[in-house]
């Protein structure tokens, strides 16, 4: 059938449009009267608020609420403090403090003091490298008949203080006594006996004696200087017969302080018959500090960097008893102090094991004020990696003294032993007790020692057995007379391994 494209007449449909009839169906109607009532309007729901309107309404409510609080609580300061307290309470509720990882509990073991050493204010103690439990100790006390004269005493133990053997000393009078154990030979030690100060004010030169048979005999070591400023604060070390001396002043009279070597560190390998400067190759010996020794004449040290101001420090190493030095690069931060393990077996990764630095943080090349601190770790020849400071419990008062990190030593497994945070102690008349932390590089976390470090504690050195460390300490309890207690504390290599 052909399609008709003509427009349909009014009220008519096209022949191809669908038409729906409006006629009622042949079903009974429910209405019997004509519906002349107008249709009821549909229910009209209110339109939803837009996002902007909701935000405006919320801002109005918050403003009214804040204004009410300001009026009730006494001003913006009180409102801000209340908001902070509420935020802290909510944060504590949502994020409760987690228990601190703890170090295995190893208490302090009391060591019986040598005869006459119990009521002393101080003594010199040096753990021997062998056998286990061996140590040297010496001190001086005034004569009962003449208070201006002092007599030295020295003892040796090889059973952790169960028995102390008195040593016959080479001279009867000395104002001060210091003993230095050989870091590689358990039967050798140095004895430094300092006479009374002279009237001229010059520092008296100590008499130095060497024993290689655990104190049965002593041999005097001739020194290359006499009552000079170099004697003030001079330090000594003994490594398998090699004797090192270092100080802030030149130790050899013929050395010039203006041309290297300055002889601020000298070495003798023949019991003092000849001495040689051991700082040739150091740019500047000012701020020279020994980090550690290793067998074979190896020395690790730090010096101030003369090319940079503001406390810059460089790490130096010698492998030939100080005859030559090589620069290992700058250290992070300002006034950096480097720590290496005293364990002769810690020779991995460049020969020194894990190294640590404790330094002042810097801002634009200047140390921060007030002082803030940073820690970093590395192996020789590698980049220094920062590590976080140990956390301080909420019970510790936040002040510069309590927050300053004090490194003690590098323990087993390359772990850093560090004190931080002051705690209350009955025995802390002068020096307060502190918390002992141990950074485990294997576990990458700080471990807290459950026992606080006693007050008035002084570390006297450590000894090593198969990777385990024994630290020897003294603690002083003031009184009349004072009480000096010798103790040891053990840290096992298994304490820092992953569990």
Protein backbone atom coordinates (compact mmCIF):
# COMPACT_ATOMS: atom_id res chain seq x y z
CA UNK A 1 0.00 0.00 0.00
CA UNK A 2 1.50 3.32 -0.94
CA UNK A 3 2.53 5.68 1.81
CA UNK A 4 0.57 8.90 2.00
CA UNK A 5 2.91 11.76 2.95
CA UNK A 6 0.10 14.31 3.11
CA UNK A 7 -0.47 15.88 6.48
CA UNK A 8 -3.45 14.40 8.26
CA UNK A 9 -6.47 16.49 8.92
CA UNK A 10 -6.98 17.91 12.37
CA UNK A 11 -8.00 15.34 14.95
CA UNK A 12 -7.06 12.55 12.54
CA UNK A 13 -4.10 10.25 12.66
CA UNK A 14 -1.88 9.25 9.86
CA UNK A 15 -2.62 5.91 8.35
CA UNK A 16 0.68 4.45 9.53
CA UNK A 17 0.56 5.88 13.08
CA UNK A 18 -0.32 3.69 16.01
CA UNK A 19 -3.64 4.70 17.53
CA UNK A 20 -4.56 3.90 21.12
CA UNK A 21 -8.27 4.00 21.74
CA UNK A 22 -9.47 6.10 24.64
CA UNK A 23 -12.76 4.16 24.71
CA UNK A 24 -13.51 2.29 27.94
CA UNK A 25 -13.15 -1.46 27.89
CA UNK A 26 -16.12 -3.77 28.18
CA UNK A 27 -15.56 -4.04 31.91
CA UNK A 28 -17.91 -2.78 34.57
CA UNK A 29 -17.22 0.70 35.82
CA UNK A 30 -16.77 1.41 39.55
CA UNK A 31 -18.27 4.89 39.20
CA UNK A 32 -21.95 5.41 38.50
CA UNK A 33 -21.87 9.19 38.33
CA UNK A 34 -20.04 11.51 35.98
CA UNK A 35 -16.63 12.53 37.42
CA UNK A 36 -16.78 16.28 37.40
CA UNK A 37 -14.47 16.76 40.44
CA UNK A 38 -11.11 18.32 39.52
CA UNK A 39 -8.06 15.95 39.85
CA UNK A 40 -6.25 15.95 43.22
CA UNK A 41 -2.74 17.37 42.86
CA UNK A 42 0.17 14.95 43.39
CA UNK A 43 2.28 15.13 46.60
CA UNK A 44 5.28 17.51 46.06
CA UNK A 45 8.50 16.56 48.05
CA UNK A 46 10.97 19.31 49.08
CA UNK A 47 14.05 19.61 46.88
CA UNK A 48 17.35 18.18 48.37
CA UNK A 49 20.02 20.69 49.61
CA UNK A 50 23.08 21.16 47.47
CA UNK A 51 26.59 20.51 48.76
CA UNK A 52 27.28 24.21 49.10
CA UNK A 53 24.13 24.74 51.12
CA UNK A 54 25.01 21.89 53.44
CA UNK A 55 28.52 23.28 53.99
CA UNK A 56 27.08 26.73 54.70
CA UNK A 57 24.63 25.32 57.20
CA UNK A 58 27.42 23.32 58.94
CA UNK A 59 29.64 26.41 59.10
CA UNK A 60 26.84 28.41 60.70
CA UNK A 61 26.24 25.68 63.30
CA UNK A 62 29.97 25.36 64.11
CA UNK A 63 30.33 29.14 64.38
CA UNK A 64 27.39 29.39 66.77
CA UNK A 65 28.75 26.48 68.81
CA UNK A 66 32.25 27.99 68.96
CA UNK A 67 30.87 31.39 69.95
CA UNK A 68 28.93 29.72 72.75
CA UNK A 69 32.07 27.91 73.99
CA UNK A 70 34.13 31.12 73.83
CA UNK A 71 31.52 32.86 75.93
CA UNK A 72 31.33 30.02 78.44
CA UNK A 73 35.02 29.10 78.73
CA UNK A 74 36.56 32.53 78.91
CA UNK A 75 38.09 33.38 75.55
CA UNK A 76 39.93 31.97 72.52
CA UNK A 77 42.97 30.80 74.53
CA UNK A 78 40.87 28.59 76.77
CA UNK A 79 38.99 27.29 73.74
CA UNK A 80 42.23 26.43 71.95
CA UNK A 81 43.63 24.65 75.00
CA UNK A 82 40.44 22.67 75.36
CA UNK A 83 40.55 21.70 71.70
CA UNK A 84 44.14 20.52 72.05
CA UNK A 85 43.32 18.47 75.15
CA UNK A 86 40.38 16.91 73.37
CA UNK A 87 42.54 16.10 70.34
CA UNK A 88 45.23 14.54 72.54
CA UNK A 89 42.66 12.46 74.40
CA UNK A 90 41.12 11.25 71.14
CA UNK A 91 44.56 10.44 69.70
CA UNK A 92 45.53 8.49 72.82
CA UNK A 93 42.24 6.61 72.61
CA UNK A 94 42.58 5.81 68.93
CA UNK A 95 46.34 5.14 69.03
CA UNK A 96 47.27 3.67 72.42
CA UNK A 97 51.06 3.62 73.14
CA UNK A 98 52.73 0.40 72.15
CA UNK A 99 55.06 -1.36 74.59
CA UNK A 100 58.73 -0.55 73.95
CA UNK A 101 60.88 -3.43 72.66
CA UNK A 102 62.97 -4.67 75.55
CA UNK A 103 66.51 -5.97 75.71
CA UNK A 104 67.09 -9.31 77.40
CA UNK A 105 67.39 -8.75 81.14
CA UNK A 106 71.04 -8.94 82.26
CA UNK A 107 71.60 -7.33 85.64
CA UNK A 108 74.74 -5.78 87.11
CA UNK A 109 76.93 -8.39 88.83
CA UNK A 110 78.76 -7.07 91.89
CA UNK A 111 82.52 -7.75 91.96
CA UNK A 112 84.30 -8.07 95.28
CA UNK A 113 86.62 -5.07 95.67
CA UNK A 114 90.35 -5.51 96.32
CA UNK A 115 91.48 -4.96 99.92
CA UNK A 116 91.42 -1.26 100.75
CA UNK A 117 89.57 -0.21 97.59
CA UNK A 118 86.04 -0.20 98.99
CA UNK A 119 86.04 3.29 100.54
CA UNK A 120 87.69 5.20 97.69
CA UNK A 121 86.29 8.06 95.62
CA UNK A 122 87.87 6.69 92.45
CA UNK A 123 90.24 4.10 91.02
CA UNK A 124 91.69 3.03 87.68
CA UNK A 125 90.41 -0.29 86.32
CA UNK A 126 91.37 -1.99 83.04
CA UNK A 127 89.85 -5.29 81.87
CA UNK A 128 92.43 -7.63 80.32
CA UNK A 129 91.91 -9.05 76.87
CA UNK A 130 92.43 -12.56 78.31
CA UNK A 131 91.75 -14.80 80.19
CA UNK A 132 88.01 -14.45 80.86
CA UNK A 133 87.34 -12.42 84.01
CA UNK A 134 90.84 -10.87 84.16
CA UNK A 135 91.34 -7.23 85.14
CA UNK A 136 93.90 -4.79 86.54
CA UNK A 137 93.20 -2.10 89.14
CA UNK A 138 95.26 0.59 90.88
CA UNK A 139 94.73 3.66 93.11
CA UNK A 140 96.58 5.95 95.52
CA UNK A 141 95.89 6.89 99.16
CA UNK A 142 97.63 9.38 101.49
CA UNK A 143 100.10 8.23 104.11
CA UNK A 144 98.60 8.20 107.58
CA UNK A 145 101.69 9.92 108.97
CA UNK A 146 102.19 12.47 106.19
CA UNK A 147 99.16 13.74 104.25
CA UNK A 148 101.29 15.31 101.50
CA UNK A 149 102.65 11.94 100.41
CA UNK A 150 100.56 9.32 98.66
CA UNK A 151 101.23 5.65 98.11
CA UNK A 152 100.03 3.60 95.10
CA UNK A 153 98.39 0.17 95.24
CA UNK A 154 97.72 -2.26 92.40
CA UNK A 155 95.98 -5.65 92.14
CA UNK A 156 95.25 -8.25 89.46
CA UNK A 157 92.44 -10.80 89.15
CA UNK A 158 91.86 -13.58 86.64
CA UNK A 159 88.62 -14.93 88.18
CA UNK A 160 86.24 -11.93 88.07
CA UNK A 161 87.30 -10.64 91.47
CA UNK A 162 86.92 -13.85 93.46
CA UNK A 163 90.59 -13.39 94.40
CA UNK A 164 92.82 -10.34 93.98
CA UNK A 165 96.61 -10.70 93.80
CA UNK A 166 98.58 -7.68 95.09
CA UNK A 167 101.27 -6.36 92.74
CA UNK A 168 104.67 -5.14 93.87
CA UNK A 169 105.08 -1.68 92.36
CA UNK A 170 108.40 -0.18 91.18
CA UNK A 171 108.09 3.02 93.27
CA UNK A 172 106.49 3.68 96.67
CA UNK A 173 105.17 7.24 96.21
CA UNK A 174 102.82 8.72 93.61
CA UNK A 175 100.04 11.28 93.58
CA UNK A 176 97.97 9.50 90.92
CA UNK A 177 97.93 6.06 89.40
CA UNK A 178 96.60 4.84 86.04
CA UNK A 179 96.76 1.38 84.50
CA UNK A 180 96.37 0.58 80.78
CA UNK A 181 95.86 -3.01 79.63
CA UNK A 182 97.43 -4.28 76.41
CA UNK A 183 94.64 -4.65 73.86
CA UNK A 184 96.20 -7.78 72.32
CA UNK A 185 98.29 -9.39 75.09
CA UNK A 186 96.48 -10.40 78.28
CA UNK A 187 99.62 -10.55 80.41
CA UNK A 188 100.91 -7.04 79.50
CA UNK A 189 99.96 -3.64 80.90
CA UNK A 190 101.26 -0.10 81.39
CA UNK A 191 101.44 1.58 84.80
CA UNK A 192 101.52 5.41 84.90
CA UNK A 193 102.52 6.93 88.26
CA UNK A 194 102.28 10.73 88.43
CA UNK A 195 104.25 12.64 91.12
CA UNK A 196 102.96 15.63 93.01
CA UNK A 197 102.65 18.84 90.94
CA UNK A 198 105.63 21.19 90.83
CA UNK A 199 105.64 24.72 92.23
CA UNK A 200 106.29 26.12 88.73
CA UNK A 201 102.84 25.04 87.63
CA UNK A 202 104.15 22.77 84.86
CA UNK A 203 102.43 19.43 84.45
CA UNK A 204 104.53 16.69 86.02
CA UNK A 205 105.57 13.95 83.65
CA UNK A 206 104.37 10.52 84.78
CA UNK A 207 106.71 7.61 85.29
CA UNK A 208 105.67 4.86 82.88
CA UNK A 209 106.34 1.17 83.55
CA UNK A 210 105.67 -1.89 81.40
CA UNK A 211 104.96 -5.45 82.52
CA UNK A 212 104.63 -8.46 80.25
CA UNK A 213 104.24 -11.09 82.99
CA UNK A 214 101.03 -9.93 84.79
CA UNK A 215 102.93 -7.64 87.17
CA UNK A 216 105.71 -9.91 88.34
CA UNK A 217 108.33 -7.49 86.95
CA UNK A 218 108.23 -3.89 85.69
CA UNK A 219 110.43 -2.08 83.16
CA UNK A 220 110.54 1.73 83.09
CA UNK A 221 109.78 3.34 79.72
CA UNK A 222 111.87 6.45 78.90
CA UNK A 223 109.71 9.31 77.62
CA UNK A 224 110.84 11.97 75.12
CA UNK A 225 109.46 14.92 77.13
CA UNK A 226 109.83 16.21 80.69
CA UNK A 227 107.38 18.37 82.68
CA UNK A 228 105.97 20.07 79.59
CA UNK A 229 102.46 21.17 78.65
CA UNK A 230 102.25 17.94 76.65
CA UNK A 231 102.08 15.99 79.89
CA UNK A 232 98.75 17.62 80.75
CA UNK A 233 96.00 15.34 79.56
CA UNK A 234 98.23 12.95 77.63
CA UNK A 235 96.66 9.59 76.82
CA UNK A 236 98.30 6.20 76.31
CA UNK A 237 97.52 2.90 74.62
CA UNK A 238 99.37 -0.41 74.39
CA UNK A 239 98.85 -2.83 71.51
CA UNK A 240 101.00 -5.97 71.41
CA UNK A 241 104.03 -4.07 72.70
CA UNK A 242 103.50 -0.95 70.55
CA UNK A 243 103.15 2.06 72.86
CA UNK A 244 101.12 5.06 71.66
CA UNK A 245 101.04 8.48 73.36
CA UNK A 246 98.93 11.43 72.16
CA UNK A 247 98.15 14.90 73.51
CA UNK A 248 97.06 18.40 72.45
CA UNK A 249 100.69 19.60 72.42
CA UNK A 250 103.73 18.26 70.51
CA UNK A 251 105.31 15.34 72.33
CA UNK A 252 108.73 15.50 70.61
CA UNK A 253 110.91 18.52 71.30
CA UNK A 254 112.41 18.65 67.82
CA UNK A 255 109.01 18.67 66.07
CA UNK A 256 107.64 21.98 64.86
CA UNK A 257 104.01 22.83 65.66
CA UNK A 258 103.72 24.61 62.29
CA UNK A 259 104.91 21.90 59.87
CA UNK A 260 103.65 18.33 59.79
CA UNK A 261 104.21 15.99 61.42
CA UNK A 262 103.45 17.82 64.66
CA UNK A 263 104.16 14.78 66.88
CA UNK A 264 100.89 15.16 68.77
CA UNK A 265 100.75 11.38 68.54
CA UNK A 266 103.96 9.33 68.83
CA UNK A 267 104.69 5.61 68.84
CA UNK A 268 107.45 3.37 70.19
CA UNK A 269 107.80 -0.29 69.20
CA UNK A 270 110.93 -1.02 71.27
CA UNK A 271 109.82 -0.27 74.87
CA UNK A 272 110.57 3.45 74.58
CA UNK A 273 114.15 3.31 73.33
CA UNK A 274 113.11 5.17 70.16
CA UNK A 275 110.04 7.28 69.42
CA UNK A 276 108.60 8.37 66.06
CA UNK A 277 105.87 10.86 65.17
CA UNK A 278 102.69 9.05 64.09
CA UNK A 279 100.74 11.92 62.53
CA UNK A 280 102.55 12.42 59.22
CA UNK A 281 99.81 12.89 56.63
CA UNK A 282 97.24 14.47 58.91
CA UNK A 283 96.19 17.90 57.64
CA UNK A 284 95.69 19.21 61.15
CA UNK A 285 96.12 17.41 64.46
CA UNK A 286 93.92 19.87 66.33
CA UNK A 287 90.96 17.97 67.70
CA UNK A 288 92.73 14.66 67.16
CA UNK A 289 90.83 11.78 68.77
CA UNK A 290 91.56 8.06 68.67
CA UNK A 291 88.55 5.94 67.67
CA UNK A 292 90.18 2.50 67.98
CA UNK A 293 93.00 0.12 67.21
CA UNK A 294 93.27 -3.18 65.36
CA UNK A 295 96.14 -5.70 65.20
CA UNK A 296 98.99 -4.95 62.83
CA UNK A 297 99.38 -1.25 63.60
CA UNK A 298 95.97 -0.14 62.33
CA UNK A 299 94.56 3.07 63.84
CA UNK A 300 91.23 4.84 63.28
CA UNK A 301 91.02 8.50 64.31
CA UNK A 302 89.16 11.77 63.73
CA UNK A 303 90.51 15.28 63.19
CA UNK A 304 88.97 18.71 62.77
CA UNK A 305 88.58 19.64 59.10
CA UNK A 306 90.78 22.72 58.55
CA UNK A 307 89.06 23.47 55.22
CA UNK A 308 85.59 23.91 56.70
CA UNK A 309 84.50 25.93 59.73
CA UNK A 310 81.67 25.19 62.13
CA UNK A 311 82.84 21.94 63.71
CA UNK A 312 83.39 19.83 60.58
CA UNK A 313 85.24 16.56 61.24
CA UNK A 314 86.99 13.99 59.03
CA UNK A 315 87.70 10.29 59.52
CA UNK A 316 91.30 9.09 59.08
CA UNK A 317 92.92 5.65 59.01
CA UNK A 318 96.49 4.38 59.28
CA UNK A 319 97.64 0.84 58.55
CA UNK A 320 101.32 1.20 59.50
CA UNK A 321 101.48 2.46 63.11
CA UNK A 322 100.78 6.05 62.06
CA UNK A 323 103.59 6.37 59.52
CA UNK A 324 101.02 7.29 56.83
CA UNK A 325 97.32 8.18 56.91
CA UNK A 326 94.51 8.11 54.37
CA UNK A 327 91.42 10.28 54.39
CA UNK A 328 88.13 8.36 54.66
CA UNK A 329 85.99 11.43 54.09
CA UNK A 330 83.90 13.93 56.06
CA UNK A 331 81.57 12.96 58.89
CA UNK A 332 77.93 14.07 59.09
CA UNK A 333 76.92 16.91 61.40
CA UNK A 334 79.16 19.07 63.56
CA UNK A 335 81.67 17.98 66.24
CA UNK A 336 81.12 14.35 65.26
CA UNK A 337 82.32 11.58 67.58
CA UNK A 338 82.92 8.15 66.03
CA UNK A 339 82.51 4.83 67.84
CA UNK A 340 83.84 1.40 66.84
CA UNK A 341 83.82 -1.91 68.68
CA UNK A 342 86.83 -2.73 70.90
CA UNK A 343 86.51 -6.35 69.80
CA UNK A 344 89.64 -7.30 67.81
CA UNK A 345 87.50 -9.77 65.87
CA UNK A 346 85.24 -7.00 64.50
CA UNK A 347 87.15 -6.62 61.23
CA UNK A 348 84.36 -7.08 58.69
CA UNK A 349 83.40 -4.52 56.02
CA UNK A 350 86.65 -2.61 55.71
CA UNK A 351 88.33 -3.88 58.85
CA UNK A 352 86.38 -1.99 61.54
CA UNK A 353 82.87 -3.45 61.53
CA UNK A 354 79.88 -1.22 62.14
CA UNK A 355 80.76 2.44 62.83
CA UNK A 356 78.55 5.07 64.43
CA UNK A 357 78.65 8.85 64.77
CA UNK A 358 76.99 11.10 67.33
CA UNK A 359 77.03 14.73 66.20
CA UNK A 360 75.34 18.10 66.52
CA UNK A 361 72.69 18.77 63.90
CA UNK A 362 73.29 21.75 61.59
CA UNK A 363 71.16 24.42 59.99
CA UNK A 364 72.68 26.26 57.00
CA UNK A 365 76.11 24.94 57.96
CA UNK A 366 75.92 26.14 61.59
CA UNK A 367 75.27 23.92 64.66
CA UNK A 368 71.70 24.29 65.87
CA UNK A 369 70.89 26.29 69.02
CA UNK A 370 69.57 24.90 71.27
CA UNK A 371 71.59 21.78 70.55
CA UNK A 372 69.91 18.93 68.72
CA UNK A 373 71.64 15.68 67.89
CA UNK A 374 71.80 13.17 65.09
CA UNK A 375 73.00 9.58 64.78
CA UNK A 376 74.37 7.83 61.70
CA UNK A 377 75.98 4.50 60.89
CA UNK A 378 78.20 3.16 58.11
CA UNK A 379 81.02 0.82 57.23
CA UNK A 380 84.39 2.16 56.14
CA UNK A 381 84.11 3.53 52.61
CA UNK A 382 80.30 3.56 52.53
CA UNK A 383 77.73 6.34 52.78
CA UNK A 384 76.58 7.37 56.27
CA UNK A 385 72.98 6.38 56.89
CA UNK A 386 70.96 8.29 59.53
CA UNK A 387 69.24 6.32 62.26
CA UNK A 388 66.52 7.68 64.57
CA UNK A 389 67.24 8.74 68.12
CA UNK A 390 65.84 6.31 70.69
CA UNK A 391 62.34 7.23 71.87
CA UNK A 392 61.83 8.87 75.23
CA UNK A 393 59.00 7.53 77.41
CA UNK A 394 56.23 9.94 78.32
CA UNK A 395 57.39 9.87 81.96
CA UNK A 396 60.74 11.47 81.04
CA UNK A 397 60.95 15.25 81.35
CA UNK A 398 61.84 16.83 78.01
CA UNK A 399 64.95 18.94 78.66
CA UNK A 400 68.38 19.24 77.01
CA UNK A 401 70.10 17.18 79.70
CA UNK A 402 67.67 14.28 79.47
CA UNK A 403 67.53 14.27 75.66
CA UNK A 404 71.28 14.39 74.97
CA UNK A 405 72.46 11.00 73.66
CA UNK A 406 75.60 9.63 75.36
CA UNK A 407 77.20 6.78 73.42
CA UNK A 408 78.97 4.18 75.55
CA UNK A 409 80.38 1.65 73.10
CA UNK A 410 79.66 -0.58 70.13
CA UNK A 411 78.46 -3.92 71.45
CA UNK A 412 77.87 -7.37 70.00
CA UNK A 413 76.62 -7.64 66.44
CA UNK A 414 77.57 -4.01 65.74
CA UNK A 415 74.92 -2.72 68.17
CA UNK A 416 75.26 0.83 69.49
CA UNK A 417 74.96 1.15 73.28
CA UNK A 418 73.65 4.60 74.18
CA UNK A 419 72.24 6.38 77.24
CA UNK A 420 69.34 8.81 76.96
CA UNK A 421 66.59 10.01 79.28
CA UNK A 422 67.04 10.75 82.98
CA UNK A 423 65.22 8.69 85.58
CA UNK A 424 64.90 9.14 89.33
CA UNK A 425 67.32 7.20 91.53
CA UNK A 426 68.09 7.11 95.22
CA UNK A 427 71.81 6.70 94.56
CA UNK A 428 72.11 9.62 92.11
CA UNK A 429 73.58 12.31 94.35
CA UNK A 430 75.54 13.96 91.55
CA UNK A 431 75.00 12.11 88.29
CA UNK A 432 71.39 11.05 87.66
CA UNK A 433 70.43 7.64 86.42
CA UNK A 434 69.71 7.23 82.74
CA UNK A 435 68.07 4.75 80.40
CA UNK A 436 70.26 2.38 78.41
CA UNK A 437 69.28 1.77 74.78
CA UNK A 438 70.77 -0.64 72.27
CA UNK A 439 70.34 -0.14 68.51
CA UNK A 440 70.17 -3.50 66.76
CA UNK A 441 71.25 -3.16 63.10
CA UNK A 442 69.94 -6.67 62.40
CA UNK A 443 66.46 -5.84 63.73
CA UNK A 444 66.55 -2.12 62.77
CA UNK A 445 65.09 -1.01 66.09
CA UNK A 446 66.01 0.31 69.53
CA UNK A 447 65.88 -2.11 72.46
CA UNK A 448 65.42 -0.70 75.96
CA UNK A 449 67.33 -2.19 78.85
CA UNK A 450 64.77 -2.96 81.58
CA UNK A 451 67.30 -1.87 84.23
CA UNK A 452 68.17 1.86 84.38
CA UNK A 453 71.85 2.79 84.42
CA UNK A 454 72.79 3.49 88.06
CA UNK A 455 73.68 7.04 89.04
CA UNK A 456 77.34 8.05 89.41
CA UNK A 457 78.38 5.22 87.08
CA UNK A 458 81.70 5.28 85.25
CA UNK A 459 82.47 2.81 82.46
CA UNK A 460 85.96 1.32 82.91
CA UNK A 461 86.27 -0.73 79.73
CA UNK A 462 85.06 -4.00 78.28
CA UNK A 463 86.24 -7.48 77.38
CA UNK A 464 85.04 -9.90 74.69
CA UNK A 465 84.43 -13.65 74.49
CA UNK A 466 83.15 -15.24 71.25
CA UNK A 467 81.21 -12.12 70.31
CA UNK A 468 79.74 -11.54 73.80
CA UNK A 469 80.66 -8.35 75.66
CA UNK A 470 81.37 -7.80 79.36
CA UNK A 471 81.42 -4.15 80.48
CA UNK A 472 83.27 -3.28 83.71
CA UNK A 473 81.91 -0.27 85.62
CA UNK A 474 82.26 1.47 88.96
CA UNK A 475 79.46 3.21 90.86
CA UNK A 476 80.00 5.67 93.69
CA UNK A 477 77.66 6.12 96.64
CA UNK A 478 78.53 9.29 98.49
CA UNK A 479 78.85 9.20 102.22
CA UNK A 480 81.36 9.13 105.04
CA UNK A 481 83.23 7.16 103.94
CA UNK A 482 82.21 6.86 100.26
CA UNK A 483 81.41 3.43 98.85
CA UNK A 484 82.86 2.44 95.48
CA UNK A 485 81.30 -0.66 93.93
CA UNK A 486 82.81 -2.60 91.01
CA UNK A 487 80.29 -4.36 88.76
CA UNK A 488 80.09 -6.09 85.40
CA UNK A 489 77.26 -6.25 82.89
CA UNK A 490 77.01 -8.76 80.04
CA UNK A 491 75.49 -8.22 76.59
CA UNK A 492 75.15 -11.36 74.47
CA UNK A 493 75.38 -11.49 70.70
CA UNK A 494 72.05 -13.34 70.70
CA UNK A 495 70.37 -10.29 72.29
CA UNK A 496 70.52 -8.28 69.06
CA UNK A 497 69.74 -10.99 66.52
CA UNK A 498 66.30 -11.22 64.91
CA UNK A 499 63.92 -13.47 66.81
